[in-house]
């Protein structure tokens, strides 16, 4: 695959920023509705099932569903990027996309080194991409 087709570090940062803003716009009203506006200012020290569902499970489901049905999150779509299988260039399997999402935790835990890896890797793969066998490419 032509190296110029890979989605590089900075464009992916831009897509992540767009996705983060959109996720806050989705989650803030829900968190406020279920936990009150004080939650947004000073979240409670004690972790609850609601926290798990709204802060972790809902974002995971939303992101993975976008990947399955659109091969990209809204930020990637706006910047004309998509996620593909690294071997075939086609649509990744659902299992790959779940591994990719979980791979974000692996990529971020050691000082976000796995995310920065996109900037150094020849195929612009972060550790989450390598674990899942995916690439981010510029769409036509």
Protein backbone atom coordinates (compact mmCIF):
# COMPACT_ATOMS: atom_id res chain seq x y z
CA UNK A 1 0.00 0.00 0.00
CA UNK A 2 1.20 3.49 -0.86
CA UNK A 3 2.65 5.14 2.28
CA UNK A 4 0.89 8.44 1.48
CA UNK A 5 -2.46 6.68 2.03
CA UNK A 6 -1.78 6.03 5.73
CA UNK A 7 -3.46 8.28 8.27
CA UNK A 8 -0.56 9.88 10.12
CA UNK A 9 -0.18 11.08 13.68
CA UNK A 10 -1.44 14.66 13.48
CA UNK A 11 -4.54 13.99 11.39
CA UNK A 12 -5.46 11.20 13.79
CA UNK A 13 -4.96 13.58 16.74
CA UNK A 14 -7.39 15.95 15.01
CA UNK A 15 -9.93 13.16 14.55
CA UNK A 16 -9.55 12.14 18.21
CA UNK A 17 -10.15 15.73 19.34
CA UNK A 18 -13.32 15.95 17.24
CA UNK A 19 -14.51 12.60 18.63
CA UNK A 20 -13.73 13.70 22.19
CA UNK A 21 -15.81 16.86 21.85
CA UNK A 22 -18.70 14.88 20.37
CA UNK A 23 -18.47 12.27 23.14
CA UNK A 24 -18.59 15.02 25.80
CA UNK A 25 -21.65 16.49 24.08
CA UNK A 26 -23.29 13.05 24.28
CA UNK A 27 -22.21 12.13 27.81
CA UNK A 28 -22.46 15.41 29.73
CA UNK A 29 -26.27 15.64 29.48
CA UNK A 30 -26.65 11.95 30.39
CA UNK A 31 -24.31 12.23 33.37
CA UNK A 32 -26.08 15.39 34.50
CA UNK A 33 -29.49 13.74 34.09
CA UNK A 34 -28.57 10.61 36.08
CA UNK A 35 -26.20 12.08 38.67
CA UNK A 36 -27.00 15.81 38.78
CA UNK A 37 -24.97 18.77 37.58
CA UNK A 38 -22.61 18.53 40.54
CA UNK A 39 -21.22 15.31 39.04
CA UNK A 40 -19.80 17.30 36.11
CA UNK A 41 -17.95 19.66 38.45
CA UNK A 42 -16.74 17.24 41.11
CA UNK A 43 -17.29 13.56 40.30
CA UNK A 44 -17.82 11.37 43.37
CA UNK A 45 -14.91 9.48 44.87
CA UNK A 46 -16.90 6.25 44.98
CA UNK A 47 -17.24 4.44 41.65
CA UNK A 48 -20.72 3.15 40.76
CA UNK A 49 -22.34 0.91 38.17
CA UNK A 50 -23.72 4.04 36.52
CA UNK A 51 -20.19 5.42 36.16
CA UNK A 52 -19.09 2.19 34.54
CA UNK A 53 -22.03 2.14 32.12
CA UNK A 54 -21.95 5.81 31.10
CA UNK A 55 -18.22 6.54 31.20
CA UNK A 56 -16.82 3.28 29.83
CA UNK A 57 -19.40 0.92 28.34
CA UNK A 58 -21.51 3.45 26.40
CA UNK A 59 -18.49 5.12 24.72
CA UNK A 60 -17.06 1.69 23.82
CA UNK A 61 -20.34 0.57 22.26
CA UNK A 62 -20.78 3.84 20.33
CA UNK A 63 -17.22 3.81 18.97
CA UNK A 64 -17.24 0.12 18.01
CA UNK A 65 -20.63 0.47 16.30
CA UNK A 66 -19.31 3.40 14.27
CA UNK A 67 -16.27 1.31 13.31
CA UNK A 68 -18.46 -1.64 12.30
CA UNK A 69 -20.98 0.31 10.24
CA UNK A 70 -18.91 3.25 8.95
CA UNK A 71 -15.28 2.04 9.29
CA UNK A 72 -14.61 5.27 11.19
CA UNK A 73 -15.74 7.50 14.00
CA UNK A 74 -17.27 10.90 13.14
CA UNK A 75 -13.88 12.59 13.56
CA UNK A 76 -12.23 10.17 11.15
CA UNK A 77 -15.12 10.56 8.69
CA UNK A 78 -14.81 14.37 8.76
CA UNK A 79 -11.08 14.07 8.06
CA UNK A 80 -11.63 11.39 5.41
CA UNK A 81 -9.96 8.52 7.27
CA UNK A 82 -11.12 4.94 7.69
CA UNK A 83 -10.04 1.79 9.49
CA UNK A 84 -9.14 -1.23 7.34
CA UNK A 85 -7.77 -4.72 7.83
CA UNK A 86 -3.98 -4.50 7.57
CA UNK A 87 -3.68 -7.65 5.41
CA UNK A 88 -6.57 -7.26 2.98
CA UNK A 89 -7.35 -3.54 3.01
CA UNK A 90 -10.99 -4.50 3.52
CA UNK A 91 -13.44 -4.12 6.38
CA UNK A 92 -12.00 -5.46 9.67
CA UNK A 93 -13.92 -8.19 11.45
CA UNK A 94 -15.91 -7.25 14.55
CA UNK A 95 -13.47 -9.16 16.75
CA UNK A 96 -10.58 -7.12 15.37
CA UNK A 97 -12.42 -3.90 16.17
CA UNK A 98 -13.11 -5.00 19.74
CA UNK A 99 -9.42 -5.87 20.16
CA UNK A 100 -8.54 -2.48 18.64
CA UNK A 101 -10.71 -0.68 21.21
CA UNK A 102 -9.26 -2.64 24.12
CA UNK A 103 -5.83 -2.01 22.63
CA UNK A 104 -6.30 1.70 23.34
CA UNK A 105 -5.84 0.87 27.02
CA UNK A 106 -2.59 -0.96 26.22
CA UNK A 107 -1.49 1.99 24.08
CA UNK A 108 -2.23 4.64 26.70
CA UNK A 109 -1.05 3.02 29.93
CA UNK A 110 2.70 3.38 29.37
CA UNK A 111 2.70 7.20 29.04
CA UNK A 112 0.63 6.97 25.82
CA UNK A 113 3.65 5.53 24.04
CA UNK A 114 1.44 3.23 21.96
CA UNK A 115 -0.44 6.24 20.59
CA UNK A 116 2.72 8.23 19.87
CA UNK A 117 3.99 5.15 18.03
CA UNK A 118 1.81 6.21 15.09
CA UNK A 119 4.29 9.05 14.47
CA UNK A 120 7.27 6.71 14.19
CA UNK A 121 5.82 3.61 12.56
CA UNK A 122 6.33 3.09 8.81
CA UNK A 123 2.67 2.07 8.37
CA UNK A 124 1.44 4.64 10.93
CA UNK A 125 0.11 1.93 13.23
CA UNK A 126 -0.35 2.49 16.94
CA UNK A 127 -0.03 -0.46 19.26
CA UNK A 128 -3.83 -0.84 19.20
CA UNK A 129 -3.63 -1.17 15.39
CA UNK A 130 -0.82 -3.70 15.59
CA UNK A 131 -2.70 -5.77 18.18
CA UNK A 132 -5.85 -5.78 16.04
CA UNK A 133 -4.21 -6.05 12.62
CA UNK A 134 -5.69 -2.76 11.40
CA UNK A 135 -4.56 0.35 9.56
CA UNK A 136 -5.98 3.84 9.36
CA UNK A 137 -5.95 5.09 5.76
CA UNK A 138 -7.14 8.12 3.87
CA UNK A 139 -10.44 7.31 2.19
CA UNK A 140 -11.15 8.18 -1.44
